[in-house]
Amino acid sequence: MSSKIRNYPGTEMEGSDLAAKKYLHTAYETELRYSWTSGVAISRYLRGLKEGEIWARKCNSCGRTLVPPRMYCEECFRPTDEWVKVEDTGTVNTFSISYVNVDASRRAEPVLVAVVDIDGASPGIGILHVLGEVAPGEIRVGMKVKAVWKPKEERTGAITDIRYFKQR
């Protein structure tokens, strides 16, 4: 069984057709405004970063302390229970030494990126951030690091309020 596909040419609308109201046409002027929320957990986390603090959520059922914070524990499938302020120190869990820019061009100096397990939070739930004041050959898994914060007046409530983590 074969079927033929018919192509029907469209008809372009012209200004005179619109003026004659040949087609249904309505123009609306709108002003679109967007707003969004980071959610309860991340909003509190970002406010804390602006103040030079790192906040986590604790699950009393499994005992995990989550950084970045989450309102629900993905391990227990239940709401987390309380806010906990954790340290701005941690341990390098894994790292990368990259000589490639975001546009895939070659870098003269590498960018050093690490997942940092924050002290006071559960292991294996780290923050991805850059390392500074450390040579590429000195980085190792297990290295102890400390956050280097922007001056208070420069902070905006973003993860970049921590300039980088340096070896301690």
N, C-alpha and C. Protein backbone atom coordinates (compact mmCIF):
# COMPACT_ATOMS: atom_id res chain seq x y z
N MET A 1 0.85 -1.16 0.00
CA MET A 1 0.00 0.00 0.00
C MET A 1 0.89 1.22 0.00
N SER A 2 0.70 2.05 -0.96
CA SER A 2 1.52 3.25 -1.00
C SER A 2 0.62 4.47 -0.88
N SER A 3 1.17 5.48 -0.27
CA SER A 3 0.40 6.72 -0.16
C SER A 3 1.24 7.85 -0.72
N LYS A 4 0.56 8.77 -1.31
CA LYS A 4 1.25 9.92 -1.88
C LYS A 4 1.20 11.07 -0.88
N ILE A 5 2.29 11.74 -0.77
CA ILE A 5 2.34 12.92 0.08
C ILE A 5 2.15 14.14 -0.82
N ARG A 6 1.17 14.92 -0.48
CA ARG A 6 0.90 16.11 -1.28
C ARG A 6 1.49 17.32 -0.57
N ASN A 7 2.15 18.12 -1.31
CA ASN A 7 2.70 19.37 -0.78
C ASN A 7 1.81 20.51 -1.24
N TYR A 8 1.22 21.19 -0.31
CA TYR A 8 0.40 22.34 -0.63
C TYR A 8 1.22 23.59 -0.35
N PRO A 9 1.36 24.43 -1.34
CA PRO A 9 2.14 25.64 -1.11
C PRO A 9 1.40 26.57 -0.14
N GLY A 10 2.16 27.20 0.72
CA GLY A 10 1.57 28.16 1.64
C GLY A 10 1.33 29.49 0.95
N THR A 11 0.58 30.31 1.61
CA THR A 11 0.30 31.64 1.09
C THR A 11 0.89 32.64 2.05
N GLU A 12 1.74 33.47 1.53
CA GLU A 12 2.38 34.47 2.36
C GLU A 12 1.38 35.58 2.67
N MET A 13 1.33 35.97 3.94
CA MET A 13 0.45 37.08 4.32
C MET A 13 1.14 38.39 3.99
N GLU A 14 0.37 39.30 3.49
CA GLU A 14 0.89 40.63 3.18
C GLU A 14 0.24 41.64 4.10
N GLY A 15 0.85 42.80 4.21
CA GLY A 15 0.33 43.86 5.06
C GLY A 15 -1.09 44.25 4.71
N SER A 16 -1.42 44.28 3.42
CA SER A 16 -2.78 44.64 3.01
C SER A 16 -3.79 43.59 3.47
N ASP A 17 -3.38 42.32 3.49
CA ASP A 17 -4.27 41.27 3.98
C ASP A 17 -4.56 41.46 5.47
N LEU A 18 -3.54 41.84 6.21
CA LEU A 18 -3.73 42.07 7.64
C LEU A 18 -4.61 43.29 7.88
N ALA A 19 -4.38 44.35 7.12
CA ALA A 19 -5.19 45.56 7.26
C ALA A 19 -6.65 45.28 6.93
N ALA A 20 -6.89 44.42 5.95
CA ALA A 20 -8.26 44.07 5.55
C ALA A 20 -8.85 43.01 6.48
N LYS A 21 -8.09 42.62 7.48
CA LYS A 21 -8.51 41.60 8.45
C LYS A 21 -8.92 40.30 7.77
N LYS A 22 -8.16 39.98 6.72
CA LYS A 22 -8.39 38.73 5.99
C LYS A 22 -8.04 37.53 6.87
N TYR A 23 -7.08 37.71 7.75
CA TYR A 23 -6.65 36.65 8.67
C TYR A 23 -6.85 37.14 10.09
N LEU A 24 -7.05 36.19 10.96
CA LEU A 24 -7.14 36.54 12.37
C LEU A 24 -5.73 36.88 12.84
N HIS A 25 -5.55 38.06 13.33
CA HIS A 25 -4.23 38.52 13.75
C HIS A 25 -4.40 39.46 14.94
N THR A 26 -3.73 39.16 15.99
CA THR A 26 -3.78 40.01 17.16
C THR A 26 -2.36 40.28 17.61
N ALA A 27 -2.06 41.53 17.84
CA ALA A 27 -0.73 41.91 18.33
C ALA A 27 -0.86 42.32 19.78
N TYR A 28 0.05 41.82 20.60
CA TYR A 28 0.07 42.15 22.01
C TYR A 28 1.42 42.75 22.34
N GLU A 29 1.39 43.78 23.14
CA GLU A 29 2.63 44.28 23.70
C GLU A 29 2.72 43.74 25.11
N THR A 30 3.82 43.11 25.41
CA THR A 30 3.99 42.54 26.74
C THR A 30 5.34 42.93 27.30
N GLU A 31 5.40 42.96 28.57
CA GLU A 31 6.68 43.14 29.26
C GLU A 31 6.87 41.90 30.10
N LEU A 32 7.79 41.06 29.68
CA LEU A 32 8.02 39.82 30.40
C LEU A 32 9.07 40.04 31.49
N ARG A 33 8.74 39.60 32.66
CA ARG A 33 9.67 39.65 33.78
C ARG A 33 9.84 38.24 34.30
N TYR A 34 11.06 37.89 34.59
CA TYR A 34 11.36 36.56 35.09
C TYR A 34 11.88 36.66 36.51
N SER A 35 11.47 35.73 37.30
CA SER A 35 12.07 35.61 38.62
C SER A 35 12.13 34.12 38.94
N TRP A 36 13.07 33.77 39.74
CA TRP A 36 13.24 32.38 40.12
C TRP A 36 13.86 32.35 41.50
N THR A 37 13.80 31.21 42.08
CA THR A 37 14.40 31.04 43.39
C THR A 37 15.41 29.91 43.32
N SER A 38 16.41 30.02 44.11
CA SER A 38 17.40 28.94 44.21
C SER A 38 16.88 27.81 45.08
N GLY A 39 15.76 28.03 45.74
CA GLY A 39 15.21 27.05 46.67
C GLY A 39 15.70 27.34 48.08
N VAL A 40 15.07 26.72 49.03
CA VAL A 40 15.36 26.99 50.44
C VAL A 40 16.81 26.68 50.78
N ALA A 41 17.29 25.50 50.41
CA ALA A 41 18.63 25.06 50.81
C ALA A 41 19.72 25.89 50.14
N ILE A 42 19.66 26.02 48.84
CA ILE A 42 20.74 26.74 48.13
C ILE A 42 20.69 28.23 48.45
N SER A 43 19.49 28.79 48.65
CA SER A 43 19.41 30.21 49.03
C SER A 43 20.13 30.47 50.35
N ARG A 44 19.92 29.61 51.33
CA ARG A 44 20.60 29.77 52.62
C ARG A 44 22.11 29.58 52.44
N TYR A 45 22.48 28.61 51.63
CA TYR A 45 23.89 28.34 51.35
C TYR A 45 24.56 29.57 50.73
N LEU A 46 23.92 30.18 49.74
CA LEU A 46 24.48 31.36 49.07
C LEU A 46 24.55 32.57 50.00
N ARG A 47 23.54 32.75 50.85
CA ARG A 47 23.59 33.83 51.85
C ARG A 47 24.77 33.62 52.79
N GLY A 48 24.99 32.36 53.16
CA GLY A 48 26.13 32.04 54.03
C GLY A 48 27.46 32.36 53.37
N LEU A 49 27.59 32.01 52.09
CA LEU A 49 28.83 32.31 51.37
C LEU A 49 29.10 33.81 51.36
N LYS A 50 28.05 34.60 51.20
CA LYS A 50 28.21 36.06 51.22
C LYS A 50 28.76 36.54 52.57
N GLU A 51 28.44 35.80 53.63
CA GLU A 51 28.93 36.14 54.98
C GLU A 51 30.24 35.43 55.33
N GLY A 52 30.77 34.65 54.39
CA GLY A 52 32.02 33.93 54.66
C GLY A 52 31.82 32.66 55.44
N GLU A 53 30.62 32.07 55.32
CA GLU A 53 30.29 30.85 56.05
C GLU A 53 29.81 29.78 55.07
N ILE A 54 30.05 28.53 55.43
CA ILE A 54 29.57 27.40 54.64
C ILE A 54 28.54 26.65 55.48
N TRP A 55 27.31 26.56 54.95
CA TRP A 55 26.21 25.90 55.65
C TRP A 55 25.87 24.58 54.99
N ALA A 56 25.47 23.62 55.82
CA ALA A 56 25.11 22.28 55.37
C ALA A 56 23.76 21.90 55.98
N ARG A 57 23.19 20.81 55.47
CA ARG A 57 21.98 20.23 56.07
C ARG A 57 22.34 18.85 56.58
N LYS A 58 21.82 18.51 57.76
CA LYS A 58 22.10 17.21 58.37
C LYS A 58 20.85 16.34 58.31
N CYS A 59 21.07 15.08 57.98
CA CYS A 59 20.02 14.06 58.02
C CYS A 59 20.23 13.25 59.28
N ASN A 60 19.30 13.35 60.23
CA ASN A 60 19.45 12.62 61.49
C ASN A 60 19.18 11.12 61.34
N SER A 61 18.57 10.72 60.24
CA SER A 61 18.29 9.30 60.02
C SER A 61 19.56 8.54 59.65
N CYS A 62 20.29 9.03 58.65
CA CYS A 62 21.51 8.33 58.22
C CYS A 62 22.78 9.00 58.75
N GLY A 63 22.64 10.20 59.30
CA GLY A 63 23.78 10.88 59.90
C GLY A 63 24.63 11.68 58.93
N ARG A 64 24.23 11.73 57.66
CA ARG A 64 25.04 12.48 56.69
C ARG A 64 24.84 13.98 56.85
N THR A 65 25.89 14.73 56.59
CA THR A 65 25.85 16.19 56.56
C THR A 65 26.18 16.60 55.13
N LEU A 66 25.24 17.28 54.48
CA LEU A 66 25.28 17.53 53.05
C LEU A 66 25.73 18.94 52.70
N VAL A 67 26.81 19.03 51.94
CA VAL A 67 27.31 20.29 51.38
C VAL A 67 27.55 20.05 49.90
N PRO A 68 26.97 20.86 49.01
CA PRO A 68 25.95 21.87 49.26
C PRO A 68 24.71 21.24 49.91
N PRO A 69 23.97 22.06 50.66
CA PRO A 69 22.83 21.53 51.41
C PRO A 69 21.68 21.13 50.49
N ARG A 70 20.92 20.15 50.96
CA ARG A 70 19.71 19.71 50.27
C ARG A 70 18.61 19.54 51.31
N MET A 71 17.40 19.83 50.93
CA MET A 71 16.28 19.71 51.86
C MET A 71 15.80 18.27 52.00
N TYR A 72 16.22 17.41 51.05
CA TYR A 72 15.86 15.99 51.12
C TYR A 72 17.11 15.15 50.99
N CYS A 73 17.18 14.12 51.78
CA CYS A 73 18.32 13.20 51.75
C CYS A 73 18.09 12.17 50.65
N GLU A 74 18.98 12.13 49.69
CA GLU A 74 18.83 11.16 48.60
C GLU A 74 19.23 9.75 49.03
N GLU A 75 19.77 9.62 50.21
CA GLU A 75 20.11 8.30 50.75
C GLU A 75 18.90 7.68 51.47
N CYS A 76 18.21 8.50 52.27
CA CYS A 76 17.08 8.02 53.07
C CYS A 76 15.72 8.31 52.44
N PHE A 77 15.71 9.18 51.45
CA PHE A 77 14.46 9.60 50.81
C PHE A 77 13.51 10.25 51.81
N ARG A 78 14.07 11.13 52.63
CA ARG A 78 13.27 11.85 53.62
C ARG A 78 13.83 13.26 53.78
N PRO A 79 13.04 14.17 54.35
CA PRO A 79 13.54 15.53 54.56
C PRO A 79 14.75 15.54 55.50
N THR A 80 15.68 16.44 55.21
CA THR A 80 16.80 16.62 56.13
C THR A 80 16.28 17.37 57.36
N ASP A 81 17.06 17.34 58.45
CA ASP A 81 16.52 17.78 59.74
C ASP A 81 17.01 19.12 60.26
N GLU A 82 18.26 19.48 59.99
CA GLU A 82 18.75 20.70 60.64
C GLU A 82 19.89 21.33 59.85
N TRP A 83 20.06 22.63 60.10
CA TRP A 83 21.18 23.38 59.51
C TRP A 83 22.41 23.22 60.39
N VAL A 84 23.56 23.07 59.74
CA VAL A 84 24.83 22.93 60.45
C VAL A 84 25.85 23.80 59.73
N LYS A 85 26.52 24.66 60.50
CA LYS A 85 27.62 25.44 59.92
C LYS A 85 28.87 24.56 59.96
N VAL A 86 29.52 24.44 58.80
CA VAL A 86 30.72 23.61 58.71
C VAL A 86 31.94 24.52 58.50
N GLU A 87 33.10 23.92 58.49
CA GLU A 87 34.35 24.67 58.37
C GLU A 87 34.57 25.13 56.94
N ASP A 88 35.50 26.06 56.76
CA ASP A 88 35.90 26.46 55.41
C ASP A 88 37.24 25.81 55.04
N THR A 89 37.46 24.66 55.64
CA THR A 89 38.64 23.84 55.36
C THR A 89 38.17 22.49 54.84
N GLY A 90 39.08 21.76 54.23
CA GLY A 90 38.70 20.45 53.73
C GLY A 90 39.88 19.67 53.20
N THR A 91 39.55 18.62 52.45
CA THR A 91 40.53 17.69 51.91
C THR A 91 40.26 17.48 50.43
N VAL A 92 41.31 17.50 49.63
CA VAL A 92 41.16 17.24 48.19
C VAL A 92 40.77 15.78 48.00
N ASN A 93 39.62 15.57 47.39
CA ASN A 93 39.10 14.23 47.10
C ASN A 93 39.60 13.74 45.74
N THR A 94 39.60 14.64 44.77
CA THR A 94 40.10 14.36 43.43
C THR A 94 40.45 15.70 42.80
N PHE A 95 41.26 15.69 41.74
CA PHE A 95 41.65 16.95 41.13
C PHE A 95 41.96 16.77 39.66
N SER A 96 42.05 17.91 38.97
CA SER A 96 42.41 17.92 37.55
C SER A 96 43.33 19.10 37.30
N ILE A 97 44.33 18.89 36.48
CA ILE A 97 45.23 19.95 36.05
C ILE A 97 44.94 20.17 34.57
N SER A 98 44.34 21.30 34.24
CA SER A 98 43.87 21.51 32.87
C SER A 98 44.65 22.61 32.16
N TYR A 99 45.14 22.26 30.99
CA TYR A 99 45.83 23.22 30.13
C TYR A 99 44.93 23.66 28.98
N VAL A 100 43.63 23.45 29.12
CA VAL A 100 42.67 23.78 28.06
C VAL A 100 41.66 24.78 28.58
N ASN A 101 41.43 25.86 27.81
CA ASN A 101 40.41 26.86 28.14
C ASN A 101 39.03 26.35 27.76
N VAL A 102 38.00 27.07 28.17
CA VAL A 102 36.63 26.67 27.85
C VAL A 102 36.37 26.68 26.35
N ASP A 103 37.11 27.47 25.58
CA ASP A 103 36.95 27.50 24.12
C ASP A 103 37.87 26.49 23.43
N ALA A 104 38.45 25.58 24.19
CA ALA A 104 39.34 24.52 23.71
C ALA A 104 40.70 25.02 23.25
N SER A 105 41.02 26.27 23.51
CA SER A 105 42.36 26.77 23.19
C SER A 105 43.33 26.36 24.31
N ARG A 106 44.59 26.38 23.99
CA ARG A 106 45.64 25.95 24.93
C ARG A 106 45.94 27.06 25.93
N ARG A 107 46.11 26.68 27.20
CA ARG A 107 46.49 27.61 28.27
C ARG A 107 48.00 27.55 28.49
N ALA A 108 48.60 28.69 28.75
CA ALA A 108 50.03 28.70 29.10
C ALA A 108 50.22 28.17 30.52
N GLU A 109 49.37 28.62 31.43
CA GLU A 109 49.40 28.17 32.82
C GLU A 109 48.15 27.34 33.08
N PRO A 110 48.26 26.23 33.78
CA PRO A 110 47.08 25.39 33.99
C PRO A 110 46.10 25.97 35.01
N VAL A 111 44.85 25.59 34.87
CA VAL A 111 43.86 25.85 35.91
C VAL A 111 43.78 24.57 36.73
N LEU A 112 43.79 24.72 38.03
CA LEU A 112 43.81 23.58 38.95
C LEU A 112 42.42 23.46 39.58
N VAL A 113 41.74 22.38 39.32
CA VAL A 113 40.37 22.18 39.79
C VAL A 113 40.35 20.95 40.69
N ALA A 114 39.59 21.05 41.79
CA ALA A 114 39.52 19.93 42.72
C ALA A 114 38.12 19.80 43.29
N VAL A 115 37.78 18.60 43.70
CA VAL A 115 36.61 18.38 44.54
C VAL A 115 37.14 18.36 45.97
N VAL A 116 36.62 19.29 46.78
CA VAL A 116 37.08 19.44 48.16
C VAL A 116 36.00 18.91 49.09
N ASP A 117 36.34 17.89 49.87
CA ASP A 117 35.44 17.40 50.93
C ASP A 117 35.60 18.36 52.10
N ILE A 118 34.52 19.05 52.43
CA ILE A 118 34.55 20.08 53.48
C ILE A 118 34.56 19.44 54.86
N ASP A 119 35.42 19.95 55.75
CA ASP A 119 35.49 19.46 57.13
C ASP A 119 34.16 19.74 57.83
N GLY A 120 33.60 18.71 58.44
CA GLY A 120 32.31 18.80 59.11
C GLY A 120 31.18 18.25 58.26
N ALA A 121 31.43 18.05 56.97
CA ALA A 121 30.44 17.45 56.07
C ALA A 121 30.81 15.98 55.85
N SER A 122 29.87 15.25 55.32
CA SER A 122 30.13 13.83 55.03
C SER A 122 31.15 13.70 53.91
N PRO A 123 32.03 12.71 53.99
CA PRO A 123 33.02 12.51 52.93
C PRO A 123 32.34 12.10 51.62
N GLY A 124 32.97 12.49 50.53
CA GLY A 124 32.48 12.12 49.21
C GLY A 124 31.38 13.01 48.67
N ILE A 125 31.07 14.10 49.38
CA ILE A 125 30.04 15.04 48.92
C ILE A 125 30.70 16.42 48.85
N GLY A 126 31.70 16.57 48.01
CA GLY A 126 32.50 17.78 48.03
C GLY A 126 32.01 18.91 47.16
N ILE A 127 32.75 20.00 47.24
CA ILE A 127 32.52 21.19 46.43
C ILE A 127 33.57 21.19 45.31
N LEU A 128 33.13 21.37 44.09
CA LEU A 128 34.05 21.52 42.96
C LEU A 128 34.51 22.97 42.94
N HIS A 129 35.82 23.18 43.02
CA HIS A 129 36.35 24.55 43.06
C HIS A 129 37.78 24.56 42.53
N VAL A 130 38.32 25.75 42.39
CA VAL A 130 39.70 25.88 41.92
C VAL A 130 40.66 25.93 43.11
N LEU A 131 41.89 25.54 42.83
CA LEU A 131 42.97 25.62 43.82
C LEU A 131 43.88 26.77 43.43
N GLY A 132 44.46 27.42 44.42
CA GLY A 132 45.40 28.50 44.17
C GLY A 132 46.56 28.41 45.14
N GLU A 133 47.61 29.17 44.83
CA GLU A 133 48.81 29.20 45.66
C GLU A 133 49.42 27.82 45.84
N VAL A 134 49.28 26.97 44.83
CA VAL A 134 49.86 25.63 44.88
C VAL A 134 50.36 25.28 43.48
N ALA A 135 51.50 24.67 43.40
CA ALA A 135 52.06 24.25 42.11
C ALA A 135 51.39 22.95 41.68
N PRO A 136 51.20 22.77 40.38
CA PRO A 136 50.56 21.55 39.89
C PRO A 136 51.20 20.27 40.41
N GLY A 137 52.51 20.25 40.54
CA GLY A 137 53.19 19.04 41.01
C GLY A 137 53.01 18.76 42.49
N GLU A 138 52.49 19.73 43.25
CA GLU A 138 52.30 19.57 44.69
C GLU A 138 50.92 19.03 45.05
N ILE A 139 49.98 19.10 44.12
CA ILE A 139 48.61 18.68 44.42
C ILE A 139 48.57 17.16 44.58
N ARG A 140 47.81 16.71 45.57
CA ARG A 140 47.63 15.28 45.76
C ARG A 140 46.28 15.03 46.44
N VAL A 141 45.73 13.86 46.20
CA VAL A 141 44.52 13.45 46.90
C VAL A 141 44.87 13.36 48.38
N GLY A 142 44.02 13.90 49.23
CA GLY A 142 44.28 13.90 50.66
C GLY A 142 44.91 15.18 51.16
N MET A 143 45.28 16.09 50.24
CA MET A 143 45.89 17.36 50.63
C MET A 143 44.88 18.20 51.42
N LYS A 144 45.32 18.77 52.52
CA LYS A 144 44.47 19.63 53.36
C LYS A 144 44.46 21.04 52.78
N VAL A 145 43.26 21.63 52.66
CA VAL A 145 43.13 22.95 52.05
C VAL A 145 42.22 23.84 52.89
N LYS A 146 42.33 25.15 52.62
CA LYS A 146 41.51 26.15 53.30
C LYS A 146 41.01 27.15 52.27
N ALA A 147 39.77 27.62 52.46
CA ALA A 147 39.17 28.59 51.55
C ALA A 147 39.86 29.93 51.67
N VAL A 148 40.08 30.59 50.54
CA VAL A 148 40.55 31.97 50.50
C VAL A 148 39.36 32.78 49.98
N TRP A 149 38.81 33.62 50.84
CA TRP A 149 37.59 34.36 50.54
C TRP A 149 37.89 35.70 49.90
N LYS A 150 36.96 36.17 49.08
CA LYS A 150 37.01 37.55 48.59
C LYS A 150 36.78 38.46 49.79
N PRO A 151 37.23 39.71 49.71
CA PRO A 151 36.89 40.65 50.78
C PRO A 151 35.37 40.77 50.90
N LYS A 152 34.88 40.98 52.11
CA LYS A 152 33.43 41.02 52.39
C LYS A 152 32.68 41.94 51.44
N GLU A 153 33.23 43.11 51.14
CA GLU A 153 32.53 44.08 50.29
C GLU A 153 32.45 43.64 48.82
N GLU A 154 33.21 42.63 48.43
CA GLU A 154 33.17 42.12 47.06
C GLU A 154 32.29 40.89 46.91
N ARG A 155 31.83 40.32 48.00
CA ARG A 155 31.03 39.09 47.93
C ARG A 155 29.62 39.37 47.45
N THR A 156 29.09 38.42 46.67
CA THR A 156 27.76 38.60 46.08
C THR A 156 26.78 37.49 46.44
N GLY A 157 27.22 36.50 47.18
CA GLY A 157 26.35 35.36 47.46
C GLY A 157 26.45 34.32 46.37
N ALA A 158 27.68 34.00 45.97
CA ALA A 158 27.93 33.01 44.92
C ALA A 158 29.10 32.13 45.35
N ILE A 159 29.23 30.98 44.72
CA ILE A 159 30.33 30.07 45.05
C ILE A 159 31.68 30.75 44.78
N THR A 160 31.70 31.72 43.89
CA THR A 160 32.93 32.45 43.59
C THR A 160 33.30 33.45 44.69
N ASP A 161 32.47 33.55 45.75
CA ASP A 161 32.90 34.34 46.92
C ASP A 161 34.10 33.68 47.58
N ILE A 162 34.26 32.39 47.35
CA ILE A 162 35.51 31.71 47.71
C ILE A 162 36.39 31.85 46.46
N ARG A 163 37.47 32.62 46.57
CA ARG A 163 38.35 32.80 45.40
C ARG A 163 38.92 31.46 44.95
N TYR A 164 39.45 30.73 45.93
CA TYR A 164 40.06 29.42 45.66
C TYR A 164 40.35 28.76 47.00
N PHE A 165 40.79 27.53 46.95
CA PHE A 165 41.27 26.82 48.13
C PHE A 165 42.79 26.70 48.01
N LYS A 166 43.48 26.95 49.12
CA LYS A 166 44.94 26.83 49.13
C LYS A 166 45.35 25.77 50.14
N GLN A 167 46.57 25.27 49.96
CA GLN A 167 47.09 24.25 50.88
C GLN A 167 47.28 24.87 52.26
N ARG A 168 46.95 24.07 53.30
CA ARG A 168 47.16 24.57 54.68
C ARG A 168 48.17 23.71 55.39
